[in-house]
PDB file of N, CA and C in Angstrom:
ATOM      1  N   MET A   1     -12.657  11.961  86.484  1.00  0.00           N
ATOM      2  CA  MET A   1     -13.012  12.723  85.428  1.00  0.00           C
ATOM      3  C   MET A   1     -14.364  12.099  84.898  1.00  0.00           C
ATOM      4  N   THR A   2     -15.408  12.884  84.754  1.00  0.00           N
ATOM      5  CA  THR A   2     -16.421  12.145  84.140  1.00  0.00           C
ATOM      6  C   THR A   2     -16.985  12.512  82.626  1.00  0.00           C
ATOM      7  N   ALA A   3     -17.760  12.441  82.134  1.00  0.00           N
ATOM      8  CA  ALA A   3     -17.834  12.659  80.636  1.00  0.00           C
ATOM      9  C   ALA A   3     -17.830  13.695  80.473  1.00  0.00           C
ATOM     10  N   ASN A   4     -19.155  14.520  81.358  1.00  0.00           N
ATOM     11  CA  ASN A   4     -19.156  15.928  80.975  1.00  0.00           C
ATOM     12  C   ASN A   4     -18.453  16.939  81.323  1.00  0.00           C
ATOM     13  N   GLU A   5     -17.380  16.491  81.460  1.00  0.00           N
ATOM     14  CA  GLU A   5     -15.979  17.251  81.966  1.00  0.00           C
ATOM     15  C   GLU A   5     -14.927  17.227  81.013  1.00  0.00           C
ATOM     16  N   PRO A   6     -15.127  17.727  79.506  1.00  0.00           N
ATOM     17  CA  PRO A   6     -14.141  17.562  78.540  1.00  0.00           C
ATOM     18  C   PRO A   6     -12.948  18.050  78.632  1.00  0.00           C
ATOM     19  N   CYS A   7     -11.703  17.285  78.112  1.00  0.00           N
ATOM     20  CA  CYS A   7     -10.619  17.908  78.645  1.00  0.00           C
ATOM     21  C   CYS A   7     -10.020  17.836  77.033  1.00  0.00           C
ATOM     22  N   VAL A   8     -10.167  18.974  76.549  1.00  0.00           N
ATOM     23  CA  VAL A   8      -9.695  19.754  74.960  1.00  0.00           C
ATOM     24  C   VAL A   8      -9.013  20.568  75.342  1.00  0.00           C
ATOM     25  N   ALA A   9      -8.191  20.834  74.410  1.00  0.00           N
ATOM     26  CA  ALA A   9      -7.289  21.823  73.922  1.00  0.00           C
ATOM     27  C   ALA A   9      -7.166  22.394  72.590  1.00  0.00           C
ATOM     28  N   LYS A  10      -7.117  23.413  71.928  1.00  0.00           N
ATOM     29  CA  LYS A  10      -6.788  23.700  70.497  1.00  0.00           C
ATOM     30  C   LYS A  10      -5.734  25.037  70.413  1.00  0.00           C
ATOM     31  N   PHE A  11      -4.953  24.902  69.701  1.00  0.00           N
ATOM     32  CA  PHE A  11      -4.260  25.839  69.282  1.00  0.00           C
ATOM     33  C   PHE A  11      -4.276  26.679  67.301  1.00  0.00           C
ATOM     34  N   GLY A  12      -4.591  27.619  67.509  1.00  0.00           N
ATOM     35  CA  GLY A  12      -4.650  28.210  65.906  1.00  0.00           C
ATOM     36  C   GLY A  12      -6.224  27.460  65.446  1.00  0.00           C
ATOM     37  N   PRO A  13      -6.455  28.311  64.423  1.00  0.00           N
ATOM     38  CA  PRO A  13      -5.510  29.274  63.746  1.00  0.00           C
ATOM     39  C   PRO A  13      -5.492  30.475  64.253  1.00  0.00           C
ATOM     40  N   LEU A  14      -4.519  31.486  64.043  1.00  0.00           N
ATOM     41  CA  LEU A  14      -4.430  32.757  64.280  1.00  0.00           C
ATOM     42  C   LEU A  14      -5.895  33.314  64.994  1.00  0.00           C
ATOM     43  N   PRO A  15      -6.117  33.801  66.076  1.00  0.00           N
ATOM     44  CA  PRO A  15      -4.591  34.586  67.017  1.00  0.00           C
ATOM     45  C   PRO A  15      -4.270  33.592  67.751  1.00  0.00           C
ATOM     46  N   SER A  16      -2.646  33.722  67.398  1.00  0.00           N
ATOM     47  CA  SER A  16      -1.859  32.851  68.121  1.00  0.00           C
ATOM     48  C   SER A  16      -1.996  32.465  69.969  1.00  0.00           C
ATOM     49  N   LYS A  17      -2.894  31.932  70.084  1.00  0.00           N
ATOM     50  CA  LYS A  17      -3.177  30.742  71.525  1.00  0.00           C
ATOM     51  C   LYS A  17      -3.848  30.056  71.641  1.00  0.00           C
ATOM     52  N   TRP A  18      -3.488  29.162  72.781  1.00  0.00           N
ATOM     53  CA  TRP A  18      -4.262  27.833  72.679  1.00  0.00           C
ATOM     54  C   TRP A  18      -5.816  28.415  73.674  1.00  0.00           C
ATOM     55  N   GLN A  19      -6.725  27.599  73.051  1.00  0.00           N
ATOM     56  CA  GLN A  19      -8.058  27.704  73.794  1.00  0.00           C
ATOM     57  C   GLN A  19      -8.381  26.729  74.426  1.00  0.00           C
ATOM     58  N   MET A  20      -8.753  26.530  75.667  1.00  0.00           N
ATOM     59  CA  MET A  20      -9.218  25.464  76.498  1.00  0.00           C
ATOM     60  C   MET A  20     -10.644  25.432  76.571  1.00  0.00           C
ATOM     61  N   ALA A  21     -10.998  24.204  76.618  1.00  0.00           N
ATOM     62  CA  ALA A  21     -12.394  23.563  76.842  1.00  0.00           C
ATOM     63  C   ALA A  21     -12.809  24.507  78.282  1.00  0.00           C
ATOM     64  N   SER A  22     -14.225  25.062  77.991  1.00  0.00           N
ATOM     65  CA  SER A  22     -14.566  25.284  79.734  1.00  0.00           C
ATOM     66  C   SER A  22     -15.412  24.503  79.769  1.00  0.00           C
ATOM     67  N   PRO A  23     -15.451  24.372  81.461  1.00  0.00           N
ATOM     68  CA  PRO A  23     -14.060  25.072  82.159  1.00  0.00           C
ATOM     69  C   PRO A  23     -12.695  24.479  81.995  1.00  0.00           C
ATOM     70  N   GLU A  24     -11.946  25.196  82.231  1.00  0.00           N
ATOM     71  CA  GLU A  24     -10.608  24.666  81.824  1.00  0.00           C
ATOM     72  C   GLU A  24     -10.173  23.160  82.182  1.00  0.00           C
ATOM     73  N   PRO A  25      -9.437  22.631  81.473  1.00  0.00           N
ATOM     74  CA  PRO A  25      -9.367  21.188  81.625  1.00  0.00           C
ATOM     75  C   PRO A  25      -8.497  21.128  82.623  1.00  0.00           C
ATOM     76  N   SER A  26      -8.464  19.915  83.188  1.00  0.00           N
ATOM     77  CA  SER A  26      -7.821  19.512  84.683  1.00  0.00           C
ATOM     78  C   SER A  26      -6.672  18.367  84.066  1.00  0.00           C
ATOM     79  N   CYS A  27      -6.568  18.464  82.611  1.00  0.00           N
ATOM     80  CA  CYS A  27      -5.398  16.984  82.030  1.00  0.00           C
ATOM     81  C   CYS A  27      -4.402  17.843  81.316  1.00  0.00           C
ATOM     82  N   VAL A  28      -4.683  19.138  81.135  1.00  0.00           N
ATOM     83  CA  VAL A  28      -3.429  19.783  80.149  1.00  0.00           C
ATOM     84  C   VAL A  28      -3.343  21.260  80.579  1.00  0.00           C
ATOM     85  N   ASN A  29      -2.243  21.989  80.579  1.00  0.00           N
ATOM     86  CA  ASN A  29      -2.084  23.050  80.794  1.00  0.00           C
ATOM     87  C   ASN A  29      -1.231  23.829  79.444  1.00  0.00           C
ATOM     88  N   LYS A  30      -1.660  25.116  79.488  1.00  0.00           N
ATOM     89  CA  LYS A  30      -0.722  25.726  78.475  1.00  0.00           C
ATOM     90  C   LYS A  30       0.298  26.310  79.062  1.00  0.00           C
ATOM     91  N   THR A  31       1.903  25.946  78.422  1.00  0.00           N
ATOM     92  CA  THR A  31       2.800  26.899  78.985  1.00  0.00           C
ATOM     93  C   THR A  31       3.325  27.902  77.998  1.00  0.00           C
ATOM     94  N   ALA A  32       3.191  27.474  77.183  1.00  0.00           N
ATOM     95  CA  ALA A  32       3.773  28.738  75.822  1.00  0.00           C
ATOM     96  C   ALA A  32       2.949  28.262  74.475  1.00  0.00           C
ATOM     97  N   ASP A  33       3.233  29.228  73.493  1.00  0.00           N
ATOM     98  CA  ASP A  33       2.426  29.104  72.312  1.00  0.00           C
ATOM     99  C   ASP A  33       2.766  27.644  71.699  1.00  0.00           C
ATOM    100  N   TRP A  34       2.188  26.839  71.423  1.00  0.00           N
ATOM    101  CA  TRP A  34       2.267  25.524  70.583  1.00  0.00           C
ATOM    102  C   TRP A  34       2.817  24.547  71.372  1.00  0.00           C
ATOM    103  N   ARG A  35       2.699  24.857  73.029  1.00  0.00           N
ATOM    104  CA  ARG A  35       3.510  23.648  73.965  1.00  0.00           C
ATOM    105  C   ARG A  35       2.160  23.812  75.377  1.00  0.00           C
ATOM    106  N   LEU A  36       2.143  22.051  75.186  1.00  0.00           N
ATOM    107  CA  LEU A  36       1.136  21.795  76.400  1.00  0.00           C
ATOM    108  C   LEU A  36       1.805  21.180  77.582  1.00  0.00           C
ATOM    109  N   LYS A  37       1.451  21.443  78.849  1.00  0.00           N
ATOM    110  CA  LYS A  37       2.037  20.126  79.551  1.00  0.00           C
ATOM    111  C   LYS A  37       1.144  19.435  80.200  1.00  0.00           C
ATOM    112  N   ILE A  38       1.386  18.150  79.817  1.00  0.00           N
ATOM    113  CA  ILE A  38       0.061  17.211  80.463  1.00  0.00           C
ATOM    114  C   ILE A  38       0.250  16.825  81.925  1.00  0.00           C
ATOM    115  N   LEU A  39      -1.290  16.981  82.380  1.00  0.00           N
ATOM    116  CA  LEU A  39      -1.362  17.235  84.102  1.00  0.00           C
ATOM    117  C   LEU A  39      -1.715  15.962  84.295  1.00  0.00           C
ATOM    118  N   GLN A  40      -2.249  14.843  83.501  1.00  0.00           N
ATOM    119  CA  GLN A  40      -3.051  13.557  83.906  1.00  0.00           C
ATOM    120  C   GLN A  40      -2.744  12.455  82.805  1.00  0.00           C
ATOM    121  N   ASN A  41      -2.147  11.381  83.450  1.00  0.00           N
ATOM    122  CA  ASN A  41      -1.997  10.051  82.882  1.00  0.00           C
ATOM    123  C   ASN A  41      -3.340   9.697  81.608  1.00  0.00           C
ATOM    124  N   GLY A  42      -3.208   9.091  80.949  1.00  0.00           N
ATOM    125  CA  GLY A  42      -4.012   8.706  80.083  1.00  0.00           C
ATOM    126  C   GLY A  42      -3.593   8.709  78.448  1.00  0.00           C
ATOM    127  N   LEU A  43      -4.735   8.363  77.664  1.00  0.00           N
ATOM    128  CA  LEU A  43      -4.519   7.939  76.104  1.00  0.00           C
ATOM    129  C   LEU A  43      -5.303   9.439  75.574  1.00  0.00           C
ATOM    130  N   TYR A  44      -4.672   9.954  75.021  1.00  0.00           N
ATOM    131  CA  TYR A  44      -4.770  11.361  74.184  1.00  0.00           C
ATOM    132  C   TYR A  44      -4.665  10.984  72.523  1.00  0.00           C
ATOM    133  N   LEU A  45      -5.803  11.842  72.124  1.00  0.00           N
ATOM    134  CA  LEU A  45      -5.990  11.807  70.647  1.00  0.00           C
ATOM    135  C   LEU A  45      -5.293  13.365  70.227  1.00  0.00           C
ATOM    136  N   ILE A  46      -4.435  13.443  69.647  1.00  0.00           N
ATOM    137  CA  ILE A  46      -3.962  14.796  69.059  1.00  0.00           C
ATOM    138  C   ILE A  46      -3.963  14.659  67.568  1.00  0.00           C
ATOM    139  N   TYR A  47      -4.553  16.066  67.548  1.00  0.00           N
ATOM    140  CA  TYR A  47      -5.064  16.247  65.938  1.00  0.00           C
ATOM    141  C   TYR A  47      -4.799  17.313  65.530  1.00  0.00           C
ATOM    142  N   GLY A  48      -4.514  17.806  64.183  1.00  0.00           N
ATOM    143  CA  GLY A  48      -3.857  19.075  63.452  1.00  0.00           C
ATOM    144  C   GLY A  48      -4.217  18.830  61.840  1.00  0.00           C
ATOM    145  N   GLN A  49      -3.699  20.075  61.422  1.00  0.00           N
ATOM    146  CA  GLN A  49      -3.207  20.280  60.177  1.00  0.00           C
ATOM    147  C   GLN A  49      -2.064  21.283  59.949  1.00  0.00           C
ATOM    148  N   VAL A  50      -1.373  20.840  59.250  1.00  0.00           N
ATOM    149  CA  VAL A  50      -0.087  21.839  59.053  1.00  0.00           C
ATOM    150  C   VAL A  50      -0.139  22.567  57.278  1.00  0.00           C
ATOM    151  N   ALA A  51      -0.120  23.425  57.173  1.00  0.00           N
ATOM    152  CA  ALA A  51      -0.145  24.330  55.867  1.00  0.00           C
ATOM    153  C   ALA A  51       0.810  24.837  55.624  1.00  0.00           C
ATOM    154  N   PRO A  52       1.559  24.490  54.918  1.00  0.00           N
ATOM    155  CA  PRO A  52       3.112  25.033  54.259  1.00  0.00           C
ATOM    156  C   PRO A  52       2.880  26.208  53.276  1.00  0.00           C
ATOM    157  N   ASN A  53       3.659  26.852  53.781  1.00  0.00           N
ATOM    158  CA  ASN A  53       3.561  28.237  52.993  1.00  0.00           C
ATOM    159  C   ASN A  53       4.621  28.197  51.907  1.00  0.00           C
ATOM    160  N   THR A  54       3.762  27.971  50.583  1.00  0.00           N
ATOM    161  CA  THR A  54       4.411  27.452  49.411  1.00  0.00           C
ATOM    162  C   THR A  54       5.226  28.954  48.724  1.00  0.00           C
ATOM    163  N   ALA A  55       5.290  29.745  49.454  1.00  0.00           N
ATOM    164  CA  ALA A  55       5.702  31.249  48.757  1.00  0.00           C
ATOM    165  C   ALA A  55       7.304  31.541  49.428  1.00  0.00           C
ATOM    166  N   TYR A  56       7.337  30.678  50.445  1.00  0.00           N
ATOM    167  CA  TYR A  56       8.416  30.602  51.282  1.00  0.00           C
ATOM    168  C   TYR A  56       9.844  30.440  50.326  1.00  0.00           C
ATOM    169  N   LYS A  57      10.729  31.315  50.548  1.00  0.00           N
ATOM    170  CA  LYS A  57      11.772  30.890  49.502  1.00  0.00           C
ATOM    171  C   LYS A  57      13.322  30.822  50.546  1.00  0.00           C
ATOM    172  N   GLY A  58      13.645  30.777  51.644  1.00  0.00           N
ATOM    173  CA  GLY A  58      14.173  30.885  52.565  1.00  0.00           C
ATOM    174  C   GLY A  58      15.026  29.393  52.130  1.00  0.00           C
ATOM    175  N   HIS A  59      16.144  29.487  52.830  1.00  0.00           N
ATOM    176  CA  HIS A  59      17.060  28.156  53.037  1.00  0.00           C
ATOM    177  C   HIS A  59      16.764  26.663  53.702  1.00  0.00           C
ATOM    178  N   ALA A  60      16.186  27.425  54.713  1.00  0.00           N
ATOM    179  CA  ALA A  60      15.699  26.052  56.073  1.00  0.00           C
ATOM    180  C   ALA A  60      15.002  24.940  55.037  1.00  0.00           C
ATOM    181  N   PRO A  61      15.291  23.795  55.092  1.00  0.00           N
ATOM    182  CA  PRO A  61      14.506  22.898  54.942  1.00  0.00           C
ATOM    183  C   PRO A  61      13.407  22.486  55.683  1.00  0.00           C
ATOM    184  N   PHE A  62      11.845  22.626  54.734  1.00  0.00           N
ATOM    185  CA  PHE A  62      10.663  22.096  55.699  1.00  0.00           C
ATOM    186  C   PHE A  62      10.556  20.920  56.453  1.00  0.00           C
ATOM    187  N   GLU A  63      10.451  21.638  57.669  1.00  0.00           N
ATOM    188  CA  GLU A  63      10.204  20.579  58.514  1.00  0.00           C
ATOM    189  C   GLU A  63       9.355  20.850  59.930  1.00  0.00           C
ATOM    190  N   VAL A  64       8.271  19.866  59.934  1.00  0.00           N
ATOM    191  CA  VAL A  64       7.464  20.604  61.137  1.00  0.00           C
ATOM    192  C   VAL A  64       7.315  18.891  61.858  1.00  0.00           C
ATOM    193  N   LEU A  65       7.793  19.580  63.608  1.00  0.00           N
ATOM    194  CA  LEU A  65       8.194  18.307  64.356  1.00  0.00           C
ATOM    195  C   LEU A  65       7.025  18.497  65.675  1.00  0.00           C
ATOM    196  N   LEU A  66       6.286  17.010  65.688  1.00  0.00           N
ATOM    197  CA  LEU A  66       5.191  16.975  66.705  1.00  0.00           C
ATOM    198  C   LEU A  66       5.966  16.561  67.523  1.00  0.00           C
ATOM    199  N   ARG A  67       6.509  16.992  69.188  1.00  0.00           N
ATOM    200  CA  ARG A  67       7.430  16.415  70.186  1.00  0.00           C
ATOM    201  C   ARG A  67       6.753  16.174  71.541  1.00  0.00           C
ATOM    202  N   ARG A  68       7.393  15.333  71.972  1.00  0.00           N
ATOM    203  CA  ARG A  68       6.673  14.725  73.509  1.00  0.00           C
ATOM    204  C   ARG A  68       8.242  14.831  74.514  1.00  0.00           C
ATOM    205  N   ASN A  69       8.475  15.759  75.631  1.00  0.00           N
ATOM    206  CA  ASN A  69       9.609  16.249  75.854  1.00  0.00           C
ATOM    207  C   ASN A  69      10.886  16.703  75.370  1.00  0.00           C
ATOM    208  N   GLY A  70      10.555  16.742  73.775  1.00  0.00           N
ATOM    209  CA  GLY A  70      11.828  16.969  73.437  1.00  0.00           C
ATOM    210  C   GLY A  70      12.089  16.063  72.154  1.00  0.00           C
ATOM    211  N   ASP A  71      11.565  14.916  72.435  1.00  0.00           N
ATOM    212  CA  ASP A  71      11.669  13.797  71.319  1.00  0.00           C
ATOM    213  C   ASP A  71      10.659  14.010  70.354  1.00  0.00           C
ATOM    214  N   THR A  72      10.904  14.015  69.038  1.00  0.00           N
ATOM    215  CA  THR A  72       9.887  14.092  67.909  1.00  0.00           C
ATOM    216  C   THR A  72       9.209  12.480  67.973  1.00  0.00           C
ATOM    217  N   ILE A  73       7.809  12.541  68.059  1.00  0.00           N
ATOM    218  CA  ILE A  73       6.946  11.606  67.949  1.00  0.00           C
ATOM    219  C   ILE A  73       6.369  11.592  66.500  1.00  0.00           C
ATOM    220  N   GLN A  74       6.243  13.028  65.534  1.00  0.00           N
ATOM    221  CA  GLN A  74       5.845  12.514  64.100  1.00  0.00           C
ATOM    222  C   GLN A  74       6.540  13.507  63.220  1.00  0.00           C
ATOM    223  N   ALA A  75       7.083  13.405  62.099  1.00  0.00           N
ATOM    224  CA  ALA A  75       7.877  14.486  61.612  1.00  0.00           C
ATOM    225  C   ALA A  75       7.232  14.834  60.367  1.00  0.00           C
ATOM    226  N   LEU A  76       6.858  15.980  59.712  1.00  0.00           N
ATOM    227  CA  LEU A  76       6.510  16.248  58.351  1.00  0.00           C
ATOM    228  C   LEU A  76       7.400  17.138  57.716  1.00  0.00           C
ATOM    229  N   THR A  77       7.464  16.393  56.551  1.00  0.00           N
ATOM    230  CA  THR A  77       8.503  17.371  55.547  1.00  0.00           C
ATOM    231  C   THR A  77       8.358  17.791  54.081  1.00  0.00           C
ATOM    232  N   ASN A  78       7.073  17.407  53.744  1.00  0.00           N
ATOM    233  CA  ASN A  78       6.227  17.593  52.756  1.00  0.00           C
ATOM    234  C   ASN A  78       6.173  19.101  52.785  1.00  0.00           C
ATOM    235  N   SER A  79       6.487  19.803  51.592  1.00  0.00           N
ATOM    236  CA  SER A  79       6.260  21.313  51.787  1.00  0.00           C
ATOM    237  C   SER A  79       5.185  21.553  50.700  1.00  0.00           C
ATOM    238  N   THR A  80       4.940  20.818  50.095  1.00  0.00           N
ATOM    239  CA  THR A  80       3.735  21.109  48.685  1.00  0.00           C
ATOM    240  C   THR A  80       2.711  20.926  49.018  1.00  0.00           C
ATOM    241  N   THR A  81       1.753  20.311  50.196  1.00  0.00           N
ATOM    242  CA  THR A  81       0.608  19.878  50.323  1.00  0.00           C
ATOM    243  C   THR A  81       0.269  20.256  51.962  1.00  0.00           C
ATOM    244  N   VAL A  82      -1.312  20.576  51.983  1.00  0.00           N
ATOM    245  CA  VAL A  82      -1.766  20.815  53.628  1.00  0.00           C
ATOM    246  C   VAL A  82      -1.747  18.838  54.046  1.00  0.00           C
ATOM    247  N   GLN A  83      -1.021  19.224  55.477  1.00  0.00           N
ATOM    248  CA  GLN A  83      -1.180  17.495  55.957  1.00  0.00           C
ATOM    249  C   GLN A  83      -1.468  17.752  57.331  1.00  0.00           C
ATOM    250  N   ASN A  84      -1.932  16.207  57.631  1.00  0.00           N
ATOM    251  CA  ASN A  84      -3.081  16.107  58.871  1.00  0.00           C
ATOM    252  C   ASN A  84      -1.304  15.313  59.927  1.00  0.00           C
ATOM    253  N   ILE A  85      -1.687  15.791  61.219  1.00  0.00           N
ATOM    254  CA  ILE A  85      -0.596  15.500  62.219  1.00  0.00           C
ATOM    255  C   ILE A  85      -1.362  14.991  63.392  1.00  0.00           C
ATOM    256  N   GLY A  86      -0.765  13.973  63.951  1.00  0.00           N
ATOM    257  CA  GLY A  86      -1.374  13.491  64.970  1.00  0.00           C
ATOM    258  C   GLY A  86      -1.512  12.278  64.995  1.00  0.00           C
ATOM    259  N   GLY A  87      -2.490  11.573  66.314  1.00  0.00           N
ATOM    260  CA  GLY A  87      -2.667  10.268  66.565  1.00  0.00           C
ATOM    261  C   GLY A  87      -3.292  10.106  68.167  1.00  0.00           C
ATOM    262  N   ALA A  88      -3.120   9.005  68.036  1.00  0.00           N
ATOM    263  CA  ALA A  88      -3.282   8.570  69.626  1.00  0.00           C
ATOM    264  C   ALA A  88      -1.882   8.063  70.487  1.00  0.00           C
ATOM    265  N   TYR A  89      -1.888   8.898  71.771  1.00  0.00           N
ATOM    266  CA  TYR A  89      -0.398   8.434  72.225  1.00  0.00           C
ATOM    267  C   TYR A  89      -1.064   8.427  73.753  1.00  0.00           C
ATOM    268  N   GLU A  90      -0.238   7.559  74.162  1.00  0.00           N
ATOM    269  CA  GLU A  90      -0.014   7.411  75.926  1.00  0.00           C
ATOM    270  C   GLU A  90       0.763   8.327  76.253  1.00  0.00           C
ATOM    271  N   PHE A  91       0.350   9.526  76.934  1.00  0.00           N
ATOM    272  CA  PHE A  91       1.261  10.392  77.503  1.00  0.00           C
ATOM    273  C   PHE A  91       0.856  10.191  79.557  1.00  0.00           C
ATOM    274  N   HIS A  92       1.761  10.830  80.080  1.00  0.00           N
ATOM    275  CA  HIS A  92       2.185  10.588  81.773  1.00  0.00           C
ATOM    276  C   HIS A  92       1.959  12.413  81.853  1.00  0.00           C
ATOM    277  N   ALA A  93       1.384  12.428  83.064  1.00  0.00           N
ATOM    278  CA  ALA A  93       1.611  13.739  83.999  1.00  0.00           C
ATOM    279  C   ALA A  93       2.976  14.267  83.945  1.00  0.00           C
ATOM    280  N   GLY A  94       3.092  15.484  83.546  1.00  0.00           N
ATOM    281  CA  GLY A  94       4.321  15.793  83.455  1.00  0.00           C
ATOM    282  C   GLY A  94       5.034  16.091  81.777  1.00  0.00           C
ATOM    283  N   ASP A  95       4.696  15.030  81.014  1.00  0.00           N
ATOM    284  CA  ASP A  95       5.038  15.228  79.714  1.00  0.00           C
ATOM    285  C   ASP A  95       4.910  16.780  79.103  1.00  0.00           C
ATOM    286  N   ALA A  96       5.558  17.452  78.334  1.00  0.00           N
ATOM    287  CA  ALA A  96       5.611  18.271  77.686  1.00  0.00           C
ATOM    288  C   ALA A  96       5.382  17.891  75.966  1.00  0.00           C
ATOM    289  N   ILE A  97       4.239  18.569  75.465  1.00  0.00           N
ATOM    290  CA  ILE A  97       4.307  18.440  73.876  1.00  0.00           C
ATOM    291  C   ILE A  97       4.029  19.659  73.290  1.00  0.00           C
ATOM    292  N   ASP A  98       4.660  19.983  72.180  1.00  0.00           N
ATOM    293  CA  ASP A  98       5.018  20.879  71.155  1.00  0.00           C
ATOM    294  C   ASP A  98       5.053  20.899  69.919  1.00  0.00           C
ATOM    295  N   LEU A  99       4.756  21.795  68.983  1.00  0.00           N
ATOM    296  CA  LEU A  99       4.886  21.384  67.778  1.00  0.00           C
ATOM    297  C   LEU A  99       5.815  23.020  67.474  1.00  0.00           C
ATOM    298  N   ILE A 100       6.875  22.228  66.684  1.00  0.00           N
ATOM    299  CA  ILE A 100       7.967  23.578  66.213  1.00  0.00           C
ATOM    300  C   ILE A 100       8.214  23.110  64.834  1.00  0.00           C
ATOM    301  N   PHE A 101       8.394  24.330  64.284  1.00  0.00           N
ATOM    302  CA  PHE A 101       8.584  24.734  63.026  1.00  0.00           C
ATOM    303  C   PHE A 101      10.175  24.466  62.884  1.00  0.00           C
ATOM    304  N   ASN A 102      10.960  24.221  61.782  1.00  0.00           N
ATOM    305  CA  ASN A 102      12.162  24.756  61.529  1.00  0.00           C
ATOM    306  C   ASN A 102      12.540  25.874  61.150  1.00  0.00           C
ATOM    307  N   GLU A 103      11.468  26.537  60.654  1.00  0.00           N
ATOM    308  CA  GLU A 103      11.400  28.187  60.417  1.00  0.00           C
ATOM    309  C   GLU A 103       9.791  28.453  60.667  1.00  0.00           C
ATOM    310  N   GLU A 104       9.531  29.424  61.138  1.00  0.00           N
ATOM    311  CA  GLU A 104       8.307  29.937  61.503  1.00  0.00           C
ATOM    312  C   GLU A 104       7.462  30.698  60.071  1.00  0.00           C
ATOM    313  N   HIS A 105       7.845  30.548  59.267  1.00  0.00           N
ATOM    314  CA  HIS A 105       7.671  31.541  57.973  1.00  0.00           C
ATOM    315  C   HIS A 105       7.424  30.452  57.157  1.00  0.00           C
ATOM    316  N   GLN A 106       7.269  29.107  57.328  1.00  0.00           N
ATOM    317  CA  GLN A 106       7.288  27.903  56.759  1.00  0.00           C
ATOM    318  C   GLN A 106       5.789  27.565  56.691  1.00  0.00           C
ATOM    319  N   VAL A 107       5.321  27.887  57.505  1.00  0.00           N
ATOM    320  CA  VAL A 107       3.522  27.422  57.574  1.00  0.00           C
ATOM    321  C   VAL A 107       2.807  28.674  57.384  1.00  0.00           C
ATOM    322  N   LEU A 108       1.757  28.646  57.389  1.00  0.00           N
ATOM    323  CA  LEU A 108       0.708  29.222  56.740  1.00  0.00           C
ATOM    324  C   LEU A 108      -0.023  29.114  58.343  1.00  0.00           C
ATOM    325  N   LYS A 109      -0.262  30.323  59.220  1.00  0.00           N
ATOM    326  CA  LYS A 109      -0.590  30.029  60.928  1.00  0.00           C
ATOM    327  C   LYS A 109      -1.890  30.030  60.936  1.00  0.00           C
ATOM    328  N   ASN A 110      -2.455  30.994  59.853  1.00  0.00           N
ATOM    329  CA  ASN A 110      -3.857  31.002  59.759  1.00  0.00           C
ATOM    330  C   ASN A 110      -4.677  29.955  59.489  1.00  0.00           C
ATOM    331  N   ASN A 111      -3.768  28.702  58.640  1.00  0.00           N
ATOM    332  CA  ASN A 111      -4.322  27.472  58.181  1.00  0.00           C
ATOM    333  C   ASN A 111      -3.868  26.649  58.864  1.00  0.00           C
ATOM    334  N   THR A 112      -3.385  26.358  60.108  1.00  0.00           N
ATOM    335  CA  THR A 112      -2.244  25.455  60.774  1.00  0.00           C
ATOM    336  C   THR A 112      -2.833  25.316  62.317  1.00  0.00           C
ATOM    337  N   TYR A 113      -3.229  24.250  62.830  1.00  0.00           N
ATOM    338  CA  TYR A 113      -3.856  23.946  64.222  1.00  0.00           C
ATOM    339  C   TYR A 113      -3.357  22.935  64.514  1.00  0.00           C
ATOM    340  N   LEU A 114      -3.547  22.795  66.130  1.00  0.00           N
ATOM    341  CA  LEU A 114      -3.157  21.482  66.906  1.00  0.00           C
ATOM    342  C   LEU A 114      -4.191  21.762  67.859  1.00  0.00           C
ATOM    343  N   GLY A 115      -4.654  20.270  68.078  1.00  0.00           N
ATOM    344  CA  GLY A 115      -5.713  19.959  69.067  1.00  0.00           C
ATOM    345  C   GLY A 115      -5.327  18.401  70.166  1.00  0.00           C
ATOM    346  N   ILE A 116      -5.602  18.829  71.027  1.00  0.00           N
ATOM    347  CA  ILE A 116      -5.356  17.204  71.996  1.00  0.00           C
ATOM    348  C   ILE A 116      -7.211  17.100  72.836  1.00  0.00           C
ATOM    349  N   PHE A 117      -7.314  15.688  73.012  1.00  0.00           N
ATOM    350  CA  PHE A 117      -8.748  15.480  73.760  1.00  0.00           C
ATOM    351  C   PHE A 117      -7.887  13.943  74.288  1.00  0.00           C
ATOM    352  N   LEU A 118      -8.249  14.286  75.668  1.00  0.00           N
ATOM    353  CA  LEU A 118      -8.475  13.018  76.474  1.00  0.00           C
ATOM    354  C   LEU A 118      -9.121  11.944  76.478  1.00  0.00           C
ATOM    355  N   LEU A 119      -8.978  10.806  75.766  1.00  0.00           N
ATOM    356  CA  LEU A 119      -9.746   9.792  75.247  1.00  0.00           C
ATOM    357  C   LEU A 119     -10.216   8.998  76.364  1.00  0.00           C
ATOM    358  N   ALA A 120      -9.234   8.508  77.097  1.00  0.00           N
ATOM    359  CA  ALA A 120      -9.367   7.631  78.141  1.00  0.00           C
ATOM    360  C   ALA A 120      -8.261   7.816  79.481  1.00  0.00           C
ATOM    361  N   ASN A 121      -8.421   7.356  80.585  1.00  0.00           N
ATOM    362  CA  ASN A 121      -7.356   7.376  81.489  1.00  0.00           C
ATOM    363  C   ASN A 121      -7.464   6.230  82.190  1.00  0.00           C
ATOM    364  N   PRO A 122      -7.502   5.226  81.900  1.00  0.00           N
ATOM    365  CA  PRO A 122      -7.667   3.823  82.319  1.00  0.00           C
ATOM    366  C   PRO A 122      -6.831   3.804  83.697  1.00  0.00           C
ATOM    367  N   GLN A 123      -7.224   2.653  84.259  1.00  0.00           N
ATOM    368  CA  GLN A 123      -6.370   2.581  85.580  1.00  0.00           C
ATOM    369  C   GLN A 123      -4.993   1.846  85.462  1.00  0.00           C
ATOM    370  N   PHE A 124      -5.113   1.232  84.710  1.00  0.00           N
ATOM    371  CA  PHE A 124      -3.884   0.350  84.246  1.00  0.00           C
ATOM    372  C   PHE A 124      -2.410   1.283  83.655  1.00  0.00           C
ATOM    373  N   ILE A 125      -2.575   2.296  83.166  1.00  0.00           N
ATOM    374  CA  ILE A 125      -1.963   3.208  82.494  1.00  0.00           C
ATOM    375  C   ILE A 125      -1.160   4.011  83.995  1.00  0.00           C
ATOM    376  N   SER A 126       0.164   3.415  83.843  1.00  0.00           N
ATOM    377  CA  SER A 126       1.405   3.961  84.874  1.00  0.00           C
ATOM    378  C   SER A 126       2.262   4.739  84.542  1.00  0.00           C
TER     379      SER A 126
END
């Protein structure tokens, strides 16, 4: 991969679908809303914002999870303020990344987004 071939994907805000860099990146594939499959080993930057719906009156406790292969790598539980989510993570080909909500109406989807950017794919990552 060269510097002029960006590997970028972003989800949200609404309409709900992943928007891929053009041309479509060779490092990630969209599999569903809020879910990506990693196609290339590397160091990735995940960035995002979660906007809680403060008008939500349901019974489910507020929880937003950033997961890799079903395992939580970051959790947000503060329902009173907009929060950033993400960080730098080493991912391997085949990893599945998703952002899940305890209850979908707990977040304002028009102010919530998630993105991923390939920082490097050094040869020593295995």
